[in-house]
C-alpha atoms as a PDB file:
ATOM      1  CA  ALA A   1      19.829  -5.354 -11.378  1.00  0.00           C
ATOM      2  CA  GLU A   2      17.785  -3.325  -8.961  1.00  0.00           C
ATOM      3  CA  ARG A   3      15.310  -5.507  -7.095  1.00  0.00           C
ATOM      4  CA  ASP A   4      13.223  -3.816  -4.454  1.00  0.00           C
ATOM      5  CA  ALA A   5      10.397  -5.690  -2.809  1.00  0.00           C
ATOM      6  CA  ARG A   6       7.129  -4.068  -3.761  1.00  0.00           C
ATOM      7  CA  ALA A   7       4.877  -2.845  -0.998  1.00  0.00           C
ATOM      8  CA  ALA A   8       1.407  -4.174  -1.684  1.00  0.00           C
ATOM      9  CA  GLN A   9      -0.841  -5.110   1.187  1.00  0.00           C
ATOM     10  CA  ARG A  10      -1.515  -2.099   3.366  1.00  0.00           C
ATOM     11  CA  LEU A  11      -2.111  -2.377   7.079  1.00  0.00           C
ATOM     12  CA  VAL A  12      -4.294   0.590   7.945  1.00  0.00           C
ATOM     13  CA  PRO A  13      -4.644   1.791  11.535  1.00  0.00           C
ATOM     14  CA  GLN A  14      -7.935   3.607  11.786  1.00  0.00           C
ATOM     15  CA  GLY A  15      -7.257   5.355  15.069  1.00  0.00           C
ATOM     16  CA  ASP A  16      -9.907   6.079  17.656  1.00  0.00           C
ATOM     17  CA  ARG A  17     -12.944   7.817  16.212  1.00  0.00           C
ATOM     18  CA  GLY A  18     -15.870   8.616  18.404  1.00  0.00           C
ATOM     19  CA  GLU A  19     -19.377   9.255  17.150  1.00  0.00           C
ATOM     20  CA  ASP A  20     -18.910  12.989  17.624  1.00  0.00           C
ATOM     21  CA  ARG A  21     -15.654  13.129  15.673  1.00  0.00           C
ATOM     22  CA  PRO A  22     -15.402  13.963  11.992  1.00  0.00           C
ATOM     23  CA  ALA A  23     -14.694  11.119   9.605  1.00  0.00           C
ATOM     24  CA  THR A  24     -11.313  12.602   8.686  1.00  0.00           C
ATOM     25  CA  HIS A  25      -8.283  13.239  10.792  1.00  0.00           C
ATOM     26  CA  PRO A  26      -4.481  13.301  10.449  1.00  0.00           C
ATOM     27  CA  PRO A  27      -2.377  10.134  10.814  1.00  0.00           C
ATOM     28  CA  GLN A  28      -2.166   8.713  14.300  1.00  0.00           C
ATOM     29  CA  PRO A  29       1.217   9.484  15.903  1.00  0.00           C
ATOM     30  CA  HIS A  30       2.060   5.840  16.592  1.00  0.00           C
ATOM     31  CA  ARG A  31       2.021   4.829  12.916  1.00  0.00           C
ATOM     32  CA  PRO A  32       5.683   5.726  12.144  1.00  0.00           C
ATOM     33  CA  ALA A  33       6.808   3.636  15.109  1.00  0.00           C
ATOM     34  CA  LEU A  34       4.836   0.605  13.969  1.00  0.00           C
ATOM     35  CA  ALA A  35       6.025   1.022  10.385  1.00  0.00           C
ATOM     36  CA  ALA A  36       9.682   1.073  11.436  1.00  0.00           C
ATOM     37  CA  VAL A  37       9.633  -2.559  12.600  1.00  0.00           C
ATOM     38  CA  VAL A  38       7.449  -4.259   9.998  1.00  0.00           C
ATOM     39  CA  VAL A  39      10.260  -5.626   7.819  1.00  0.00           C
ATOM     40  CA  ASP A  40      13.914  -6.390   8.373  1.00  0.00           C
ATOM     41  CA  GLY A  41      16.974  -7.157   6.298  1.00  0.00           C
ATOM     42  CA  ASP A  42      15.975 -10.793   5.796  1.00  0.00           C
ATOM     43  CA  ILE A  43      13.115  -9.676   3.562  1.00  0.00           C
ATOM     44  CA  GLY A  44      15.137  -7.107   1.676  1.00  0.00           C
ATOM     45  CA  PRO A  45      14.622  -3.433   0.888  1.00  0.00           C
ATOM     46  CA  LEU A  46      10.939  -2.588   0.755  1.00  0.00           C
ATOM     47  CA  HIS A  47       9.774   0.174  -1.553  1.00  0.00           C
ATOM     48  CA  PRO A  48       6.342   1.784  -1.912  1.00  0.00           C
ATOM     49  CA  LEU A  49       6.632   1.859  -5.696  1.00  0.00           C
ATOM     50  CA  MET A  50       8.801  -0.294  -7.936  1.00  0.00           C
ATOM     51  CA  LYS A  51      10.391   1.377 -10.930  1.00  0.00           C
ATOM     52  CA  ALA A  52       8.534  -0.989 -13.255  1.00  0.00           C
ATOM     53  CA  ASP A  53       5.198   0.027 -11.694  1.00  0.00           C
ATOM     54  CA  GLY A  54       5.558   3.631 -12.749  1.00  0.00           C
ATOM     55  CA  PRO A  55       8.982   4.838 -13.894  1.00  0.00           C
ATOM     56  CA  GLU A  56       7.761   8.428 -14.173  1.00  0.00           C
ATOM     57  CA  LEU A  57       6.603   8.372 -10.549  1.00  0.00           C
ATOM     58  CA  TYR A  58       9.539   6.471  -9.099  1.00  0.00           C
ATOM     59  CA  THR A  59      11.882   8.132  -6.638  1.00  0.00           C
ATOM     60  CA  PRO A  60      14.704   6.055  -5.080  1.00  0.00           C
ATOM     61  CA  LEU A  61      14.307   5.711  -1.325  1.00  0.00           C
ATOM     62  CA  GLU A  62      17.670   7.354  -0.708  1.00  0.00           C
ATOM     63  CA  GLU A  63      16.212  10.546  -2.182  1.00  0.00           C
ATOM     64  CA  TYR A  64      13.243  10.587   0.185  1.00  0.00           C
ATOM     65  CA  PRO A  65      13.272  13.044   3.112  1.00  0.00           C
ATOM     66  CA  PRO A  66      14.962  11.429   6.151  1.00  0.00           C
ATOM     67  CA  GLU A  67      11.775  11.476   8.219  1.00  0.00           C
ATOM     68  CA  THR A  68      10.004   9.491   5.483  1.00  0.00           C
ATOM     69  CA  ARG A  69      12.942   7.300   4.531  1.00  0.00           C
ATOM     70  CA  MET A  70      13.171   5.931   8.057  1.00  0.00           C
ATOM     71  CA  LEU A  71       9.680   4.431   7.691  1.00  0.00           C
ATOM     72  CA  TRP A  72      11.213   1.820   5.390  1.00  0.00           C
ATOM     73  CA  ASP A  73      14.101   0.898   7.702  1.00  0.00           C
ATOM     74  CA  TYR A  74      14.061  -1.803  10.347  1.00  0.00           C
ATOM     75  CA  ASP A  75      15.001   0.070  13.517  1.00  0.00           C
ATOM     76  CA  PRO A  76      13.432  -1.240  16.763  1.00  0.00           C
ATOM     77  CA  THR A  77      15.345   1.290  18.874  1.00  0.00           C
ATOM     78  CA  LYS A  78      14.063   4.253  16.877  1.00  0.00           C
ATOM     79  CA  ALA A  79      10.596   2.706  16.799  1.00  0.00           C
ATOM     80  CA  LYS A  80      10.538   2.386  20.596  1.00  0.00           C
ATOM     81  CA  GLN A  81      11.606   6.022  20.885  1.00  0.00           C
ATOM     82  CA  LEU A  82       8.851   7.142  18.516  1.00  0.00           C
ATOM     83  CA  LEU A  83       6.275   5.086  20.368  1.00  0.00           C
ATOM     84  CA  THR A  84       7.305   6.679  23.666  1.00  0.00           C
ATOM     85  CA  GLU A  85       7.097  10.155  22.128  1.00  0.00           C
ATOM     86  CA  ALA A  86       3.635   9.292  20.830  1.00  0.00           C
ATOM     87  CA  GLY A  87       2.498   8.556  24.391  1.00  0.00           C
ATOM     88  CA  TYR A  88       2.823   4.770  24.452  1.00  0.00           C
ATOM     89  CA  PRO A  89       6.006   4.034  26.466  1.00  0.00           C
ATOM     90  CA  SER A  90       4.570   0.698  27.601  1.00  0.00           C
ATOM     91  CA  GLY A  91       3.031  -0.210  24.265  1.00  0.00           C
ATOM     92  CA  PHE A  92      -0.655  -0.967  23.802  1.00  0.00           C
ATOM     93  CA  LYS A  93      -3.094  -3.650  22.694  1.00  0.00           C
ATOM     94  CA  THR A  94      -4.779  -3.551  19.301  1.00  0.00           C
ATOM     95  CA  SER A  95      -6.368  -5.833  16.739  1.00  0.00           C
ATOM     96  CA  VAL A  96      -6.438  -6.222  12.968  1.00  0.00           C
ATOM     97  CA  ILE A  97      -9.119  -7.721  10.757  1.00  0.00           C
ATOM     98  CA  VAL A  98      -8.141  -9.815   7.748  1.00  0.00           C
ATOM     99  CA  SER A  99     -10.018 -11.924   5.223  1.00  0.00           C
ATOM    100  CA  GLY A 100      -9.775 -15.668   5.729  1.00  0.00           C
ATOM    101  CA  THR A 101      -9.395 -16.043   1.957  1.00  0.00           C
ATOM    102  CA  GLU A 102      -5.873 -14.592   2.146  1.00  0.00           C
ATOM    103  CA  PRO A 103      -3.702 -17.105   4.032  1.00  0.00           C
ATOM    104  CA  TYR A 104      -0.491 -15.424   2.840  1.00  0.00           C
ATOM    105  CA  THR A 105      -1.642 -12.164   4.434  1.00  0.00           C
ATOM    106  CA  ILE A 106      -2.397 -13.960   7.668  1.00  0.00           C
ATOM    107  CA  ASP A 107       1.123 -15.393   7.604  1.00  0.00           C
ATOM    108  CA  MET A 108       2.582 -11.899   7.117  1.00  0.00           C
ATOM    109  CA  LEU A 109       0.486 -10.552   9.964  1.00  0.00           C
ATOM    110  CA  THR A 110       1.884 -13.293  12.178  1.00  0.00           C
ATOM    111  CA  LEU A 111       5.347 -11.913  11.399  1.00  0.00           C
ATOM    112  CA  VAL A 112       4.156  -8.372  12.112  1.00  0.00           C
ATOM    113  CA  LYS A 113       2.763  -9.534  15.445  1.00  0.00           C
ATOM    114  CA  GLY A 114       6.223 -10.791  16.373  1.00  0.00           C
ATOM    115  CA  TYR A 115       7.904  -7.567  15.278  1.00  0.00           C
ATOM    116  CA  TRP A 116       5.473  -5.413  17.222  1.00  0.00           C
ATOM    117  CA  ALA A 117       5.930  -7.543  20.328  1.00  0.00           C
ATOM    118  CA  GLU A 118       9.415  -6.018  20.488  1.00  0.00           C
ATOM    119  CA  LEU A 119       7.658  -2.701  21.180  1.00  0.00           C
ATOM    120  CA  ASP A 120       5.251  -4.229  23.710  1.00  0.00           C
ATOM    121  CA  VAL A 121       2.472  -3.821  21.163  1.00  0.00           C
ATOM    122  CA  GLU A 122       0.105  -6.776  21.464  1.00  0.00           C
ATOM    123  CA  LEU A 123      -1.632  -7.521  18.159  1.00  0.00           C
ATOM    124  CA  GLU A 124      -4.715  -9.730  17.921  1.00  0.00           C
ATOM    125  CA  ILE A 125      -5.349 -11.112  14.433  1.00  0.00           C
ATOM    126  CA  LEU A 126      -9.070 -11.432  13.688  1.00  0.00           C
ATOM    127  CA  THR A 127      -9.609 -13.746  10.709  1.00  0.00           C
ATOM    128  CA  LEU A 128     -13.049 -13.168   9.227  1.00  0.00           C
ATOM    129  CA  GLU A 129     -15.220 -14.686   6.526  1.00  0.00           C
ATOM    130  CA  ASP A 130     -14.784 -12.585   3.385  1.00  0.00           C
ATOM    131  CA  ALA A 131     -18.234 -10.962   3.325  1.00  0.00           C
ATOM    132  CA  LEU A 132     -18.006 -10.060   7.014  1.00  0.00           C
ATOM    133  CA  PHE A 133     -14.506  -8.708   6.521  1.00  0.00           C
ATOM    134  CA  PHE A 134     -15.562  -6.273   3.809  1.00  0.00           C
ATOM    135  CA  ALA A 135     -18.730  -5.344   5.679  1.00  0.00           C
ATOM    136  CA  ARG A 136     -16.678  -4.354   8.706  1.00  0.00           C
ATOM    137  CA  ALA A 137     -14.001  -2.696   6.553  1.00  0.00           C
ATOM    138  CA  PHE A 138     -16.423  -0.397   4.741  1.00  0.00           C
ATOM    139  CA  ASP A 139     -18.341   0.264   7.940  1.00  0.00           C
ATOM    140  CA  ARG A 140     -15.023   1.237   9.574  1.00  0.00           C
ATOM    141  CA  ASP A 141     -15.661  -1.348  12.292  1.00  0.00           C
ATOM    142  CA  TYR A 142     -12.044  -2.160  13.206  1.00  0.00           C
ATOM    143  CA  GLU A 143      -8.961  -0.879  14.950  1.00  0.00           C
ATOM    144  CA  MET A 144      -6.759  -1.935  12.055  1.00  0.00           C
ATOM    145  CA  ALA A 145      -7.433  -3.654   8.758  1.00  0.00           C
ATOM    146  CA  CYS A 146      -5.156  -5.372   6.272  1.00  0.00           C
ATOM    147  CA  ILE A 147      -6.637  -4.520   2.921  1.00  0.00           C
ATOM    148  CA  GLY A 148      -5.955  -3.550  -0.657  1.00  0.00           C
ATOM    149  CA  LYS A 149      -3.009  -2.244  -2.612  1.00  0.00           C
ATOM    150  CA  ALA A 150      -1.842   1.306  -2.106  1.00  0.00           C
ATOM    151  CA  CYS A 151       1.288   1.535  -4.211  1.00  0.00           C
ATOM    152  CA  ARG A 152      -0.414   2.218  -7.543  1.00  0.00           C
ATOM    153  CA  PRO A 153      -0.909   5.787  -8.810  1.00  0.00           C
ATOM    154  CA  GLN A 154      -4.673   5.462  -8.892  1.00  0.00           C
ATOM    155  CA  ALA A 155      -4.597   4.737  -5.169  1.00  0.00           C
ATOM    156  CA  PHE A 156      -4.200   8.482  -4.660  1.00  0.00           C
ATOM    157  CA  ASN A 157      -7.912   8.778  -5.237  1.00  0.00           C
ATOM    158  CA  ASP A 158      -8.597   6.357  -2.382  1.00  0.00           C
ATOM    159  CA  TYR A 159      -7.636   9.092   0.055  1.00  0.00           C
ATOM    160  CA  SER A 160     -10.257  11.533  -1.102  1.00  0.00           C
ATOM    161  CA  LYS A 161     -12.636  12.659   1.597  1.00  0.00           C
ATOM    162  CA  ASP A 162     -15.353  10.069   2.304  1.00  0.00           C
ATOM    163  CA  HIS A 163     -13.970   7.681  -0.353  1.00  0.00           C
ATOM    164  CA  PRO A 164     -15.022   4.103   0.550  1.00  0.00           C
ATOM    165  CA  TRP A 165     -11.438   2.875   0.241  1.00  0.00           C
ATOM    166  CA  ASN A 166     -10.094   5.603   2.526  1.00  0.00           C
ATOM    167  CA  CYS A 167      -9.843   2.996   5.242  1.00  0.00           C
ATOM    168  CA  SER A 168      -7.362   5.069   7.247  1.00  0.00           C
ATOM    169  CA  ILE A 169      -9.978   7.817   7.498  1.00  0.00           C
ATOM    170  CA  ILE A 170      -7.311  10.371   6.697  1.00  0.00           C
ATOM    171  CA  THR A 171      -7.665  13.683   4.905  1.00  0.00           C
ATOM    172  CA  ASP A 172      -4.727  15.954   4.197  1.00  0.00           C
ATOM    173  CA  GLU A 173      -5.659  19.239   2.538  1.00  0.00           C
ATOM    174  CA  LYS A 174      -2.312  19.738   0.791  1.00  0.00           C
ATOM    175  CA  PHE A 175      -2.452  16.230  -0.615  1.00  0.00           C
ATOM    176  CA  LEU A 176      -6.016  16.723  -1.862  1.00  0.00           C
ATOM    177  CA  ASP A 177      -5.213  20.086  -3.444  1.00  0.00           C
ATOM    178  CA  ASP A 178      -2.094  18.753  -5.186  1.00  0.00           C
ATOM    179  CA  TRP A 179      -3.917  15.618  -6.334  1.00  0.00           C
ATOM    180  CA  GLN A 180      -6.758  17.663  -7.799  1.00  0.00           C
ATOM    181  CA  GLU A 181      -4.299  19.911  -9.603  1.00  0.00           C
ATOM    182  CA  ALA A 182      -2.349  16.939 -10.992  1.00  0.00           C
ATOM    183  CA  ARG A 183      -5.397  15.038 -12.192  1.00  0.00           C
ATOM    184  CA  THR A 184      -6.620  18.097 -14.096  1.00  0.00           C
ATOM    185  CA  THR A 185      -3.253  18.931 -15.658  1.00  0.00           C
ATOM    186  CA  VAL A 186      -3.283  18.170 -19.381  1.00  0.00           C
ATOM    187  CA  ASP A 187       0.435  18.290 -20.160  1.00  0.00           C
ATOM    188  CA  PRO A 188       1.755  14.736 -19.476  1.00  0.00           C
ATOM    189  CA  THR A 189       5.300  15.822 -18.609  1.00  0.00           C
ATOM    190  CA  GLU A 190       4.116  18.414 -16.122  1.00  0.00           C
ATOM    191  CA  ARG A 191       1.541  16.003 -14.690  1.00  0.00           C
ATOM    192  CA  SER A 192       4.104  13.238 -14.209  1.00  0.00           C
ATOM    193  CA  LYS A 193       6.396  15.612 -12.307  1.00  0.00           C
ATOM    194  CA  MET A 194       3.518  16.623 -10.044  1.00  0.00           C
ATOM    195  CA  LEU A 195       2.537  13.020  -9.382  1.00  0.00           C
ATOM    196  CA  LYS A 196       6.140  12.044  -8.662  1.00  0.00           C
ATOM    197  CA  ASP A 197       6.414  14.759  -6.019  1.00  0.00           C
ATOM    198  CA  LEU A 198       3.002  13.824  -4.685  1.00  0.00           C
ATOM    199  CA  MET A 199       4.043  10.181  -4.241  1.00  0.00           C
ATOM    200  CA  VAL A 200       6.911  11.223  -1.965  1.00  0.00           C
ATOM    201  CA  TYR A 201       4.673  13.550   0.043  1.00  0.00           C
ATOM    202  CA  PHE A 202       1.970  10.884   0.269  1.00  0.00           C
ATOM    203  CA  GLN A 203       4.333   8.341   1.811  1.00  0.00           C
ATOM    204  CA  GLY A 204       5.253  10.874   4.483  1.00  0.00           C
ATOM    205  CA  LEU A 205       1.638  10.930   5.665  1.00  0.00           C
ATOM    206  CA  THR A 206       1.998   7.356   6.970  1.00  0.00           C
ATOM    207  CA  SER A 207      -1.558   6.703   5.915  1.00  0.00           C
ATOM    208  CA  ALA A 208      -0.840   2.997   5.989  1.00  0.00           C
ATOM    209  CA  ILE A 209       1.824   0.519   7.024  1.00  0.00           C
ATOM    210  CA  TYR A 210       2.988  -1.425   4.000  1.00  0.00           C
ATOM    211  CA  MET A 211       3.980  -5.050   3.783  1.00  0.00           C
ATOM    212  CA  PRO A 212       5.881  -6.819   1.001  1.00  0.00           C
ATOM    213  CA  SER A 213       4.416  -8.785  -1.872  1.00  0.00           C
ATOM    214  CA  ALA A 214       5.836 -11.294  -4.298  1.00  0.00           C
ATOM    215  CA  TYR A 215       7.166 -10.395  -7.719  1.00  0.00           C
ATOM    216  CA  GLU A 216       4.701 -10.787 -10.549  1.00  0.00           C
ATOM    217  CA  ILE A 217       5.913 -12.124 -13.889  1.00  0.00           C
ATOM    218  CA  THR A 218       3.647 -12.412 -16.921  1.00  0.00           C
ATOM    219  CA  TYR A 219       4.383 -14.823 -19.774  1.00  0.00           C
ATOM    220  CA  TRP A 220       2.662 -15.277 -23.127  1.00  0.00           C
ATOM    221  CA  TRP A 221       3.269 -17.207 -26.323  1.00  0.00           C
ATOM    222  CA  PRO A 222       4.789 -15.373 -29.323  1.00  0.00           C
ATOM    223  CA  TRP A 223       1.649 -15.963 -31.375  1.00  0.00           C
ATOM    224  CA  VAL A 224      -0.404 -13.901 -28.930  1.00  0.00           C
ATOM    225  CA  GLN A 225      -0.503 -10.611 -30.809  1.00  0.00           C
ATOM    226  CA  ASN A 226      -1.309  -7.077 -29.686  1.00  0.00           C
ATOM    227  CA  TYR A 227      -0.483  -8.018 -26.108  1.00  0.00           C
ATOM    228  CA  ASN A 228       2.309  -6.561 -24.002  1.00  0.00           C
ATOM    229  CA  GLY A 229       1.755  -8.114 -20.598  1.00  0.00           C
ATOM    230  CA  GLU A 230      -1.182  -6.017 -19.445  1.00  0.00           C
ATOM    231  CA  ILE A 231      -2.980  -7.165 -16.320  1.00  0.00           C
ATOM    232  CA  ASN A 232      -5.763  -4.612 -16.639  1.00  0.00           C
ATOM    233  CA  PHE A 233      -6.578  -1.252 -18.173  1.00  0.00           C
ATOM    234  CA  GLY A 234      -7.336   0.304 -14.812  1.00  0.00           C
ATOM    235  CA  TYR A 235      -9.084  -0.637 -11.621  1.00  0.00           C
ATOM    236  CA  HIS A 236     -11.065  -3.826 -12.384  1.00  0.00           C
ATOM    237  CA  SER A 237     -10.993  -3.040 -16.115  1.00  0.00           C
ATOM    238  CA  ASN A 238      -9.955  -6.422 -17.464  1.00  0.00           C
ATOM    239  CA  TYR A 239     -10.930  -5.807 -21.083  1.00  0.00           C
ATOM    240  CA  TYR A 240      -7.480  -6.167 -22.600  1.00  0.00           C
ATOM    241  CA  ALA A 241      -8.357  -9.645 -23.941  1.00  0.00           C
ATOM    242  CA  THR A 242     -10.830  -7.974 -26.311  1.00  0.00           C
ATOM    243  CA  TYR A 243      -7.913  -6.548 -28.290  1.00  0.00           C
ATOM    244  CA  ILE A 244      -5.782  -9.699 -28.428  1.00  0.00           C
ATOM    245  CA  TRP A 245      -5.622 -11.891 -31.516  1.00  0.00           C
ATOM    246  CA  LEU A 246      -3.862 -15.199 -32.166  1.00  0.00           C
ATOM    247  CA  ASP A 247      -1.520 -15.631 -35.103  1.00  0.00           C
ATOM    248  CA  GLN A 248      -2.530 -19.163 -36.063  1.00  0.00           C
ATOM    249  CA  ASP A 249       0.052 -19.332 -38.875  1.00  0.00           C
ATOM    250  CA  MET A 250       2.897 -18.545 -36.477  1.00  0.00           C
ATOM    251  CA  LYS A 251       1.542 -21.056 -34.008  1.00  0.00           C
ATOM    252  CA  ALA A 252       1.504 -23.769 -36.686  1.00  0.00           C
ATOM    253  CA  GLU A 253       5.019 -22.857 -37.865  1.00  0.00           C
ATOM    254  CA  MET A 254       6.231 -23.316 -34.290  1.00  0.00           C
ATOM    255  CA  GLY A 255       4.739 -26.784 -34.202  1.00  0.00           C
ATOM    256  CA  TYR A 256       1.743 -26.127 -32.012  1.00  0.00           C
END
């Protein structure tokens, strides 16, 4: 069976933005280098979108363009080369903010810090109280932030201009045009093809550096009817329980 580790938490480098700069700019050139050493073979193949997450959007990594595919490979030599080409032959110092309510994320960042040390990139992990973390995140008061999930289709909208979750402060006109066309396309087959192509293009923007997450498995009793394992109906739309009913006769027949 195919088992790719899902990319969930996104590590977003904001880049340097001065007060006189627009709030949108292309990806910083050092991002591909940093992405190329985030995970190694001990973790397993990392994928931006698992087939189960969206089979109509899924493209196997081997079918990605080479320049995008390499973002998901562990290659310190290539990463060092990219970092030198980006103007950082001796590395650099940076910091990342993270919520103190996410100890597993802090542990992953500790691993990232070790990986980046191979490139002479010194990472300071700033663990913040949750309210302060989100205040700084939405105020764009950070060099990097570890926040959110960017592997779901609806995450495309996060990269709209001035969107509060566009924490990378990135705007790509082709992406925005294609996203607008896809979201207004009525035919589901045509729309799915457009979104599938857009997912591949989106990953090539290196808008974020992805880290792995655990597998999620949902269980429910047979007497729970009209339920198929939904987690939500959309972003923070947890109304699926409204439509569930319990077959009390089946439950009794099963001895419960």
